Amino acid sequence: MLEAAIDLMRGFGLAGAGINDIVRQSGAPKGSVYHFFPGGKLQIAGEALAVYAGRVEAFIDEALAGRRSNPERVRALFEAFAARAEQNDFRRSCAVGTVSLDLGDDAEPLRPWLVSALESWLRVIEHHIDLGDARRTRSFASLVLTVIEGAYVRARAEGHARAFREAGAWLAPLASQAGA
């Protein structure tokens, strides 16, 4: 059920990840939803977001690891996200981004899950891209993450990964200059 929720949120946001959608895609009996997730849709979504966040954190870590310089790390990260978007035929985005766009009063309980995910991704970027000053590093990591989320929007709309690759090409020299 969590896998179905992740996939549905990546494709359609929170609005497209209703209980019936999750049951249909997972093949689980509807009664098991309320047995395992007595909090209903918001509990499933929150737990699915936590699983997804951990996977993306590992994905970012892997993309950045083993690179020698900040520019190489930035290029590799954006190339990895470009390849990820291409593998999904531009039909899946970031579940955290899509759910964030669906936040309303009824989904407000999900905000801490979303913030936690973004914070974990910021930390892993900061860990790999050191600009010599904690505030500058944090600010740059925040910019990188903001651009990744925006590139997902463009990739879905445009049907190609150019936004990721352009962003990586522009941000890589900035990472070099900022770290100098």
N, C-alpha and C. Protein backbone atom coordinates (compact mmCIF):
# COMPACT_ATOMS: atom_id res chain seq x y z
N MET A 1 0.82 -1.19 0.00
CA MET A 1 0.00 0.00 0.00
C MET A 1 0.87 1.26 0.00
N LEU A 2 1.98 1.19 0.73
CA LEU A 2 2.88 2.34 0.75
C LEU A 2 3.49 2.58 -0.63
N GLU A 3 3.86 1.49 -1.30
CA GLU A 3 4.43 1.63 -2.65
C GLU A 3 3.41 2.24 -3.60
N ALA A 4 2.19 1.79 -3.51
CA ALA A 4 1.13 2.35 -4.35
C ALA A 4 0.93 3.83 -4.04
N ALA A 5 0.92 4.18 -2.76
CA ALA A 5 0.74 5.58 -2.37
C ALA A 5 1.88 6.44 -2.90
N ILE A 6 3.11 5.94 -2.80
CA ILE A 6 4.26 6.70 -3.32
C ILE A 6 4.09 6.94 -4.81
N ASP A 7 3.81 5.88 -5.54
CA ASP A 7 3.67 6.00 -7.00
C ASP A 7 2.55 6.96 -7.38
N LEU A 8 1.43 6.83 -6.71
CA LEU A 8 0.29 7.71 -7.01
C LEU A 8 0.60 9.16 -6.67
N MET A 9 1.24 9.41 -5.52
CA MET A 9 1.58 10.79 -5.17
C MET A 9 2.60 11.37 -6.13
N ARG A 10 3.56 10.57 -6.58
CA ARG A 10 4.54 11.06 -7.54
C ARG A 10 3.89 11.44 -8.87
N GLY A 11 2.84 10.72 -9.21
CA GLY A 11 2.19 10.97 -10.48
C GLY A 11 1.05 11.97 -10.41
N PHE A 12 0.33 11.99 -9.30
CA PHE A 12 -0.92 12.75 -9.26
C PHE A 12 -1.11 13.60 -8.01
N GLY A 13 -0.08 13.66 -7.15
CA GLY A 13 -0.21 14.43 -5.92
C GLY A 13 -1.10 13.73 -4.92
N LEU A 14 -1.40 14.41 -3.86
CA LEU A 14 -2.24 13.84 -2.81
C LEU A 14 -3.66 13.59 -3.31
N ALA A 15 -4.15 14.47 -4.15
CA ALA A 15 -5.51 14.34 -4.67
C ALA A 15 -5.69 13.05 -5.47
N GLY A 16 -4.65 12.58 -6.09
CA GLY A 16 -4.72 11.36 -6.90
C GLY A 16 -4.35 10.10 -6.15
N ALA A 17 -4.18 10.22 -4.83
CA ALA A 17 -3.79 9.07 -4.02
C ALA A 17 -4.85 8.80 -2.96
N GLY A 18 -6.08 8.64 -3.41
CA GLY A 18 -7.16 8.34 -2.49
C GLY A 18 -7.12 6.88 -2.05
N ILE A 19 -7.87 6.58 -1.02
CA ILE A 19 -7.91 5.21 -0.49
C ILE A 19 -8.28 4.21 -1.59
N ASN A 20 -9.30 4.51 -2.37
CA ASN A 20 -9.71 3.58 -3.43
C ASN A 20 -8.62 3.43 -4.48
N ASP A 21 -7.92 4.50 -4.80
CA ASP A 21 -6.81 4.42 -5.76
C ASP A 21 -5.69 3.54 -5.23
N ILE A 22 -5.37 3.72 -3.95
CA ILE A 22 -4.30 2.93 -3.32
C ILE A 22 -4.69 1.46 -3.28
N VAL A 23 -5.92 1.18 -2.90
CA VAL A 23 -6.41 -0.20 -2.86
C VAL A 23 -6.35 -0.82 -4.26
N ARG A 24 -6.83 -0.10 -5.25
CA ARG A 24 -6.84 -0.60 -6.62
C ARG A 24 -5.42 -0.90 -7.11
N GLN A 25 -4.50 0.04 -6.90
CA GLN A 25 -3.15 -0.15 -7.41
C GLN A 25 -2.36 -1.19 -6.62
N SER A 26 -2.59 -1.26 -5.31
CA SER A 26 -1.83 -2.21 -4.48
C SER A 26 -2.40 -3.62 -4.53
N GLY A 27 -3.69 -3.72 -4.82
CA GLY A 27 -4.34 -5.03 -4.80
C GLY A 27 -4.66 -5.50 -3.39
N ALA A 28 -4.45 -4.66 -2.41
CA ALA A 28 -4.74 -5.02 -1.01
C ALA A 28 -6.24 -4.94 -0.75
N PRO A 29 -6.74 -5.76 0.14
CA PRO A 29 -8.16 -5.64 0.51
C PRO A 29 -8.41 -4.31 1.21
N LYS A 30 -9.53 -3.70 0.92
CA LYS A 30 -9.82 -2.38 1.48
C LYS A 30 -9.81 -2.39 3.01
N GLY A 31 -10.27 -3.47 3.61
CA GLY A 31 -10.29 -3.55 5.06
C GLY A 31 -8.90 -3.48 5.68
N SER A 32 -7.90 -3.95 4.94
CA SER A 32 -6.54 -3.92 5.50
C SER A 32 -6.00 -2.49 5.59
N VAL A 33 -6.52 -1.59 4.77
CA VAL A 33 -6.10 -0.19 4.85
C VAL A 33 -6.36 0.35 6.24
N TYR A 34 -7.57 0.16 6.72
CA TYR A 34 -7.93 0.72 8.01
C TYR A 34 -7.36 -0.10 9.18
N HIS A 35 -7.02 -1.35 8.89
CA HIS A 35 -6.36 -2.16 9.92
C HIS A 35 -4.94 -1.66 10.16
N PHE A 36 -4.20 -1.47 9.08
CA PHE A 36 -2.80 -1.03 9.19
C PHE A 36 -2.66 0.48 9.30
N PHE A 37 -3.63 1.20 8.81
CA PHE A 37 -3.57 2.66 8.80
C PHE A 37 -4.88 3.23 9.35
N PRO A 38 -5.08 3.12 10.66
CA PRO A 38 -6.34 3.61 11.23
C PRO A 38 -6.54 5.11 11.04
N GLY A 39 -5.46 5.83 10.76
CA GLY A 39 -5.56 7.26 10.50
C GLY A 39 -5.97 7.57 9.07
N GLY A 40 -6.22 6.54 8.26
CA GLY A 40 -6.70 6.73 6.90
C GLY A 40 -5.67 7.29 5.95
N LYS A 41 -6.17 8.04 5.00
CA LYS A 41 -5.35 8.56 3.90
C LYS A 41 -4.16 9.37 4.38
N LEU A 42 -4.35 10.21 5.37
CA LEU A 42 -3.23 11.05 5.82
C LEU A 42 -2.14 10.22 6.48
N GLN A 43 -2.51 9.16 7.18
CA GLN A 43 -1.50 8.30 7.77
C GLN A 43 -0.73 7.56 6.69
N ILE A 44 -1.44 7.01 5.73
CA ILE A 44 -0.76 6.32 4.61
C ILE A 44 0.17 7.29 3.90
N ALA A 45 -0.33 8.48 3.59
CA ALA A 45 0.48 9.47 2.87
C ALA A 45 1.71 9.84 3.68
N GLY A 46 1.55 10.09 4.96
CA GLY A 46 2.69 10.46 5.80
C GLY A 46 3.74 9.38 5.85
N GLU A 47 3.31 8.15 6.08
CA GLU A 47 4.26 7.04 6.14
C GLU A 47 4.92 6.79 4.78
N ALA A 48 4.14 6.92 3.72
CA ALA A 48 4.70 6.75 2.38
C ALA A 48 5.72 7.86 2.08
N LEU A 49 5.42 9.08 2.49
CA LEU A 49 6.37 10.18 2.30
C LEU A 49 7.67 9.94 3.06
N ALA A 50 7.58 9.35 4.25
CA ALA A 50 8.79 9.05 5.02
C ALA A 50 9.64 8.01 4.29
N VAL A 51 9.02 6.97 3.76
CA VAL A 51 9.75 5.95 3.00
C VAL A 51 10.38 6.59 1.76
N TYR A 52 9.59 7.35 1.04
CA TYR A 52 10.07 8.02 -0.17
C TYR A 52 11.23 8.95 0.15
N ALA A 53 11.11 9.73 1.23
CA ALA A 53 12.17 10.68 1.60
C ALA A 53 13.48 9.96 1.85
N GLY A 54 13.42 8.82 2.52
CA GLY A 54 14.64 8.05 2.75
C GLY A 54 15.28 7.57 1.47
N ARG A 55 14.46 7.15 0.53
CA ARG A 55 14.99 6.69 -0.77
C ARG A 55 15.63 7.84 -1.54
N VAL A 56 14.99 9.00 -1.52
CA VAL A 56 15.55 10.14 -2.24
C VAL A 56 16.83 10.61 -1.56
N GLU A 57 16.86 10.57 -0.25
CA GLU A 57 18.09 10.92 0.47
C GLU A 57 19.24 10.02 0.03
N ALA A 58 18.99 8.72 -0.05
CA ALA A 58 20.01 7.77 -0.51
C ALA A 58 20.39 8.04 -1.97
N PHE A 59 19.41 8.36 -2.79
CA PHE A 59 19.64 8.68 -4.21
C PHE A 59 20.56 9.90 -4.33
N ILE A 60 20.28 10.94 -3.57
CA ILE A 60 21.11 12.16 -3.61
C ILE A 60 22.51 11.84 -3.12
N ASP A 61 22.60 11.10 -2.03
CA ASP A 61 23.90 10.73 -1.47
C ASP A 61 24.73 9.97 -2.50
N GLU A 62 24.10 9.01 -3.16
CA GLU A 62 24.80 8.21 -4.16
C GLU A 62 25.24 9.07 -5.35
N ALA A 63 24.40 9.98 -5.78
CA ALA A 63 24.74 10.84 -6.92
C ALA A 63 25.92 11.75 -6.60
N LEU A 64 26.01 12.18 -5.37
CA LEU A 64 27.07 13.13 -4.97
C LEU A 64 28.36 12.44 -4.53
N ALA A 65 28.27 11.21 -4.08
CA ALA A 65 29.43 10.50 -3.55
C ALA A 65 30.46 10.20 -4.63
N GLY A 66 31.70 10.21 -4.22
CA GLY A 66 32.78 9.81 -5.11
C GLY A 66 33.20 10.86 -6.12
N ARG A 67 32.59 11.99 -6.12
CA ARG A 67 32.99 13.06 -7.03
C ARG A 67 34.06 13.90 -6.32
N ARG A 68 34.98 14.43 -7.08
CA ARG A 68 36.13 15.10 -6.48
C ARG A 68 35.89 16.56 -6.15
N SER A 69 35.10 17.24 -6.94
CA SER A 69 34.95 18.68 -6.74
C SER A 69 33.48 19.05 -6.62
N ASN A 70 33.23 20.22 -6.07
CA ASN A 70 31.85 20.70 -5.98
C ASN A 70 31.18 20.79 -7.34
N PRO A 71 31.84 21.34 -8.37
CA PRO A 71 31.18 21.38 -9.69
C PRO A 71 30.83 19.99 -10.22
N GLU A 72 31.73 19.03 -10.03
CA GLU A 72 31.44 17.66 -10.48
C GLU A 72 30.24 17.08 -9.73
N ARG A 73 30.17 17.37 -8.46
CA ARG A 73 29.05 16.88 -7.65
C ARG A 73 27.73 17.47 -8.14
N VAL A 74 27.73 18.77 -8.38
CA VAL A 74 26.50 19.43 -8.83
C VAL A 74 26.06 18.88 -10.18
N ARG A 75 26.98 18.77 -11.11
CA ARG A 75 26.62 18.22 -12.43
C ARG A 75 26.09 16.80 -12.30
N ALA A 76 26.75 15.99 -11.49
CA ALA A 76 26.33 14.59 -11.32
C ALA A 76 24.93 14.51 -10.70
N LEU A 77 24.65 15.37 -9.74
CA LEU A 77 23.34 15.36 -9.10
C LEU A 77 22.23 15.68 -10.09
N PHE A 78 22.43 16.74 -10.87
CA PHE A 78 21.40 17.11 -11.83
C PHE A 78 21.29 16.10 -12.97
N GLU A 79 22.39 15.49 -13.35
CA GLU A 79 22.32 14.44 -14.36
C GLU A 79 21.56 13.23 -13.83
N ALA A 80 21.77 12.90 -12.56
CA ALA A 80 21.04 11.78 -11.96
C ALA A 80 19.54 12.05 -11.93
N PHE A 81 19.15 13.27 -11.59
CA PHE A 81 17.73 13.60 -11.60
C PHE A 81 17.17 13.64 -13.02
N ALA A 82 17.97 14.07 -13.97
CA ALA A 82 17.53 14.05 -15.37
C ALA A 82 17.24 12.62 -15.81
N ALA A 83 18.16 11.73 -15.50
CA ALA A 83 17.99 10.32 -15.87
C ALA A 83 16.76 9.72 -15.17
N ARG A 84 16.55 10.10 -13.92
CA ARG A 84 15.38 9.61 -13.17
C ARG A 84 14.07 10.07 -13.83
N ALA A 85 14.03 11.31 -14.25
CA ALA A 85 12.83 11.83 -14.92
C ALA A 85 12.62 11.11 -16.26
N GLU A 86 13.69 10.87 -16.98
CA GLU A 86 13.60 10.17 -18.27
C GLU A 86 13.12 8.73 -18.07
N GLN A 87 13.62 8.05 -17.05
CA GLN A 87 13.22 6.67 -16.79
C GLN A 87 11.72 6.56 -16.52
N ASN A 88 11.15 7.61 -15.99
CA ASN A 88 9.71 7.61 -15.69
C ASN A 88 8.90 8.27 -16.80
N ASP A 89 9.51 8.48 -17.96
CA ASP A 89 8.83 9.11 -19.10
C ASP A 89 8.16 10.42 -18.71
N PHE A 90 8.75 11.11 -17.76
CA PHE A 90 8.27 12.43 -17.32
C PHE A 90 6.86 12.37 -16.74
N ARG A 91 6.46 11.19 -16.28
CA ARG A 91 5.12 11.03 -15.71
C ARG A 91 5.13 11.00 -14.19
N ARG A 92 6.32 11.01 -13.60
CA ARG A 92 6.45 10.99 -12.15
C ARG A 92 7.37 12.12 -11.73
N SER A 93 6.97 12.81 -10.69
CA SER A 93 7.78 13.90 -10.14
C SER A 93 8.19 13.52 -8.73
N CYS A 94 8.53 14.51 -7.98
CA CYS A 94 8.87 14.33 -6.57
C CYS A 94 7.57 14.28 -5.77
N ALA A 95 7.37 13.22 -5.01
CA ALA A 95 6.15 13.10 -4.20
C ALA A 95 6.03 14.25 -3.20
N VAL A 96 7.14 14.70 -2.66
CA VAL A 96 7.10 15.81 -1.71
C VAL A 96 6.63 17.08 -2.42
N GLY A 97 7.12 17.30 -3.61
CA GLY A 97 6.70 18.48 -4.38
C GLY A 97 5.23 18.43 -4.77
N THR A 98 4.78 17.28 -5.26
CA THR A 98 3.38 17.20 -5.69
C THR A 98 2.43 17.30 -4.52
N VAL A 99 2.78 16.68 -3.40
CA VAL A 99 1.91 16.76 -2.22
C VAL A 99 1.92 18.17 -1.65
N SER A 100 3.06 18.83 -1.68
CA SER A 100 3.14 20.22 -1.20
C SER A 100 2.19 21.12 -1.96
N LEU A 101 2.05 20.87 -3.24
CA LEU A 101 1.14 21.68 -4.05
C LEU A 101 -0.32 21.41 -3.72
N ASP A 102 -0.60 20.27 -3.09
CA ASP A 102 -1.96 19.91 -2.70
C ASP A 102 -2.31 20.31 -1.27
N LEU A 103 -1.37 20.91 -0.56
CA LEU A 103 -1.63 21.23 0.85
C LEU A 103 -2.79 22.20 0.99
N GLY A 104 -3.71 21.81 1.79
CA GLY A 104 -4.84 22.65 2.17
C GLY A 104 -5.12 22.35 3.62
N ASP A 105 -6.16 22.92 4.15
CA ASP A 105 -6.47 22.71 5.56
C ASP A 105 -6.60 21.23 5.89
N ASP A 106 -7.21 20.45 5.00
CA ASP A 106 -7.42 19.03 5.27
C ASP A 106 -6.12 18.24 5.26
N ALA A 107 -5.10 18.72 4.57
CA ALA A 107 -3.82 18.01 4.47
C ALA A 107 -2.73 18.64 5.33
N GLU A 108 -3.06 19.64 6.09
CA GLU A 108 -2.07 20.33 6.93
C GLU A 108 -1.26 19.39 7.81
N PRO A 109 -1.85 18.28 8.32
CA PRO A 109 -1.04 17.36 9.13
C PRO A 109 0.17 16.76 8.40
N LEU A 110 0.19 16.84 7.08
CA LEU A 110 1.32 16.31 6.32
C LEU A 110 2.51 17.26 6.27
N ARG A 111 2.30 18.52 6.61
CA ARG A 111 3.38 19.50 6.52
C ARG A 111 4.66 19.05 7.24
N PRO A 112 4.59 18.53 8.47
CA PRO A 112 5.83 18.10 9.13
C PRO A 112 6.58 17.00 8.37
N TRP A 113 5.82 16.10 7.72
CA TRP A 113 6.46 15.05 6.92
C TRP A 113 7.21 15.67 5.74
N LEU A 114 6.60 16.66 5.12
CA LEU A 114 7.20 17.32 3.96
C LEU A 114 8.45 18.10 4.37
N VAL A 115 8.34 18.85 5.44
CA VAL A 115 9.47 19.63 5.94
C VAL A 115 10.62 18.71 6.32
N SER A 116 10.31 17.60 6.97
CA SER A 116 11.33 16.64 7.37
C SER A 116 12.07 16.08 6.16
N ALA A 117 11.33 15.75 5.12
CA ALA A 117 11.95 15.24 3.90
C ALA A 117 12.89 16.26 3.29
N LEU A 118 12.40 17.47 3.13
CA LEU A 118 13.24 18.52 2.53
C LEU A 118 14.48 18.78 3.37
N GLU A 119 14.31 18.79 4.67
CA GLU A 119 15.45 19.02 5.57
C GLU A 119 16.49 17.91 5.45
N SER A 120 16.04 16.68 5.33
CA SER A 120 16.99 15.57 5.20
C SER A 120 17.76 15.67 3.88
N TRP A 121 17.09 16.11 2.84
CA TRP A 121 17.77 16.27 1.55
C TRP A 121 18.76 17.43 1.60
N LEU A 122 18.38 18.50 2.27
CA LEU A 122 19.32 19.62 2.43
C LEU A 122 20.58 19.17 3.16
N ARG A 123 20.40 18.39 4.21
CA ARG A 123 21.56 17.94 4.99
C ARG A 123 22.51 17.09 4.16
N VAL A 124 21.97 16.22 3.33
CA VAL A 124 22.87 15.37 2.53
C VAL A 124 23.59 16.20 1.47
N ILE A 125 22.92 17.17 0.89
CA ILE A 125 23.59 18.06 -0.07
C ILE A 125 24.68 18.86 0.64
N GLU A 126 24.37 19.40 1.81
CA GLU A 126 25.37 20.14 2.60
C GLU A 126 26.57 19.26 2.95
N HIS A 127 26.31 18.02 3.23
CA HIS A 127 27.39 17.10 3.59
C HIS A 127 28.40 16.94 2.45
N HIS A 128 27.91 16.96 1.23
CA HIS A 128 28.78 16.71 0.07
C HIS A 128 29.32 17.99 -0.58
N ILE A 129 28.61 19.08 -0.45
CA ILE A 129 29.04 20.33 -1.10
C ILE A 129 29.38 21.33 -0.01
N ASP A 130 30.66 21.46 0.25
CA ASP A 130 31.13 22.34 1.31
C ASP A 130 31.73 23.60 0.68
N LEU A 131 31.12 24.74 0.98
CA LEU A 131 31.61 26.00 0.43
C LEU A 131 32.50 26.75 1.42
N GLY A 132 32.88 26.08 2.49
CA GLY A 132 33.80 26.67 3.44
C GLY A 132 33.15 27.53 4.51
N ASP A 133 31.88 27.78 4.39
CA ASP A 133 31.14 28.58 5.36
C ASP A 133 29.76 27.93 5.50
N ALA A 134 29.38 27.62 6.74
CA ALA A 134 28.14 26.88 6.96
C ALA A 134 26.92 27.59 6.40
N ARG A 135 26.84 28.90 6.57
CA ARG A 135 25.67 29.63 6.05
C ARG A 135 25.63 29.62 4.54
N ARG A 136 26.76 29.83 3.90
CA ARG A 136 26.81 29.80 2.43
C ARG A 136 26.50 28.41 1.90
N THR A 137 27.06 27.41 2.56
CA THR A 137 26.80 26.03 2.15
C THR A 137 25.31 25.72 2.25
N ARG A 138 24.70 26.09 3.36
CA ARG A 138 23.26 25.85 3.57
C ARG A 138 22.43 26.57 2.51
N SER A 139 22.79 27.81 2.24
CA SER A 139 22.07 28.60 1.25
C SER A 139 22.20 27.99 -0.14
N PHE A 140 23.39 27.55 -0.48
CA PHE A 140 23.60 26.93 -1.79
C PHE A 140 22.83 25.62 -1.89
N ALA A 141 22.87 24.81 -0.84
CA ALA A 141 22.12 23.54 -0.83
C ALA A 141 20.63 23.81 -1.01
N SER A 142 20.14 24.86 -0.37
CA SER A 142 18.73 25.24 -0.50
C SER A 142 18.41 25.63 -1.94
N LEU A 143 19.30 26.39 -2.55
CA LEU A 143 19.12 26.77 -3.96
C LEU A 143 19.09 25.52 -4.85
N VAL A 144 20.00 24.61 -4.64
CA VAL A 144 20.06 23.38 -5.43
C VAL A 144 18.74 22.61 -5.31
N LEU A 145 18.26 22.47 -4.09
CA LEU A 145 17.02 21.73 -3.87
C LEU A 145 15.82 22.44 -4.51
N THR A 146 15.78 23.75 -4.41
CA THR A 146 14.70 24.52 -5.03
C THR A 146 14.72 24.35 -6.54
N VAL A 147 15.90 24.36 -7.12
CA VAL A 147 16.02 24.20 -8.57
C VAL A 147 15.62 22.79 -9.00
N ILE A 148 15.97 21.78 -8.21
CA ILE A 148 15.56 20.41 -8.54
C ILE A 148 14.04 20.31 -8.59
N GLU A 149 13.38 20.87 -7.58
CA GLU A 149 11.91 20.80 -7.56
C GLU A 149 11.32 21.55 -8.76
N GLY A 150 11.87 22.70 -9.09
CA GLY A 150 11.39 23.45 -10.25
C GLY A 150 11.67 22.73 -11.56
N ALA A 151 12.81 22.05 -11.63
CA ALA A 151 13.15 21.30 -12.85
C ALA A 151 12.19 20.14 -13.05
N TYR A 152 11.70 19.56 -11.96
CA TYR A 152 10.68 18.51 -12.10
C TYR A 152 9.42 19.06 -12.75
N VAL A 153 9.01 20.24 -12.36
CA VAL A 153 7.82 20.85 -12.95
C VAL A 153 8.02 21.04 -14.45
N ARG A 154 9.15 21.62 -14.81
CA ARG A 154 9.42 21.85 -16.24
C ARG A 154 9.54 20.54 -17.00
N ALA A 155 10.21 19.55 -16.42
CA ALA A 155 10.39 18.27 -17.11
C ALA A 155 9.04 17.61 -17.39
N ARG A 156 8.14 17.67 -16.41
CA ARG A 156 6.80 17.09 -16.63
C ARG A 156 6.05 17.85 -17.71
N ALA A 157 6.11 19.17 -17.65
CA ALA A 157 5.37 19.99 -18.61
C ALA A 157 5.95 19.88 -20.02
N GLU A 158 7.26 19.87 -20.12
CA GLU A 158 7.93 19.91 -21.42
C GLU A 158 8.21 18.53 -22.01
N GLY A 159 8.21 17.51 -21.16
CA GLY A 159 8.46 16.16 -21.66
C GLY A 159 9.91 15.88 -22.00
N HIS A 160 10.80 16.60 -21.36
CA HIS A 160 12.24 16.31 -21.51
C HIS A 160 13.00 16.79 -20.29
N ALA A 161 14.25 16.38 -20.20
CA ALA A 161 15.07 16.64 -19.01
C ALA A 161 16.00 17.84 -19.14
N ARG A 162 15.79 18.63 -20.15
CA ARG A 162 16.67 19.77 -20.39
C ARG A 162 16.80 20.69 -19.17
N ALA A 163 15.73 20.91 -18.44
CA ALA A 163 15.77 21.81 -17.28
C ALA A 163 16.78 21.32 -16.25
N PHE A 164 16.85 20.02 -16.02
CA PHE A 164 17.83 19.49 -15.07
C PHE A 164 19.26 19.73 -15.58
N ARG A 165 19.47 19.42 -16.84
CA ARG A 165 20.84 19.53 -17.38
C ARG A 165 21.28 20.99 -17.47
N GLU A 166 20.38 21.87 -17.86
CA GLU A 166 20.72 23.30 -17.90
C GLU A 166 21.05 23.81 -16.50
N ALA A 167 20.25 23.41 -15.53
CA ALA A 167 20.48 23.86 -14.15
C ALA A 167 21.84 23.36 -13.65
N GLY A 168 22.15 22.11 -13.91
CA GLY A 168 23.44 21.58 -13.50
C GLY A 168 24.60 22.32 -14.14
N ALA A 169 24.44 22.65 -15.43
CA ALA A 169 25.50 23.38 -16.14
C ALA A 169 25.70 24.78 -15.57
N TRP A 170 24.62 25.43 -15.15
CA TRP A 170 24.72 26.78 -14.59
C TRP A 170 25.19 26.78 -13.14
N LEU A 171 24.70 25.82 -12.37
CA LEU A 171 25.03 25.82 -10.94
C LEU A 171 26.43 25.27 -10.65
N ALA A 172 26.95 24.41 -11.50
CA ALA A 172 28.28 23.84 -11.27
C ALA A 172 29.35 24.92 -11.15
N PRO A 173 29.42 25.87 -12.09
CA PRO A 173 30.44 26.94 -11.93
C PRO A 173 30.20 27.80 -10.68
N LEU A 174 28.95 27.97 -10.32
CA LEU A 174 28.65 28.73 -9.08
C LEU A 174 29.21 28.00 -7.86
N ALA A 175 29.11 26.68 -7.87
CA ALA A 175 29.65 25.89 -6.75
C ALA A 175 31.16 26.02 -6.68
N SER A 176 31.78 26.17 -7.82
CA SER A 176 33.23 26.36 -7.86
C SER A 176 33.60 27.73 -7.34
N GLN A 177 32.91 28.75 -7.81
CA GLN A 177 33.21 30.13 -7.39
C GLN A 177 32.89 30.34 -5.93
N ALA A 178 31.78 29.80 -5.49
CA ALA A 178 31.35 30.00 -4.11
C ALA A 178 32.29 29.33 -3.13
N GLY A 179 32.90 28.23 -3.56
CA GLY A 179 33.81 27.51 -2.69
C GLY A 179 35.22 28.06 -2.72
N ALA A 180 35.49 28.98 -3.62
CA ALA A 180 36.86 29.50 -3.74
C ALA A 180 37.17 30.52 -2.66
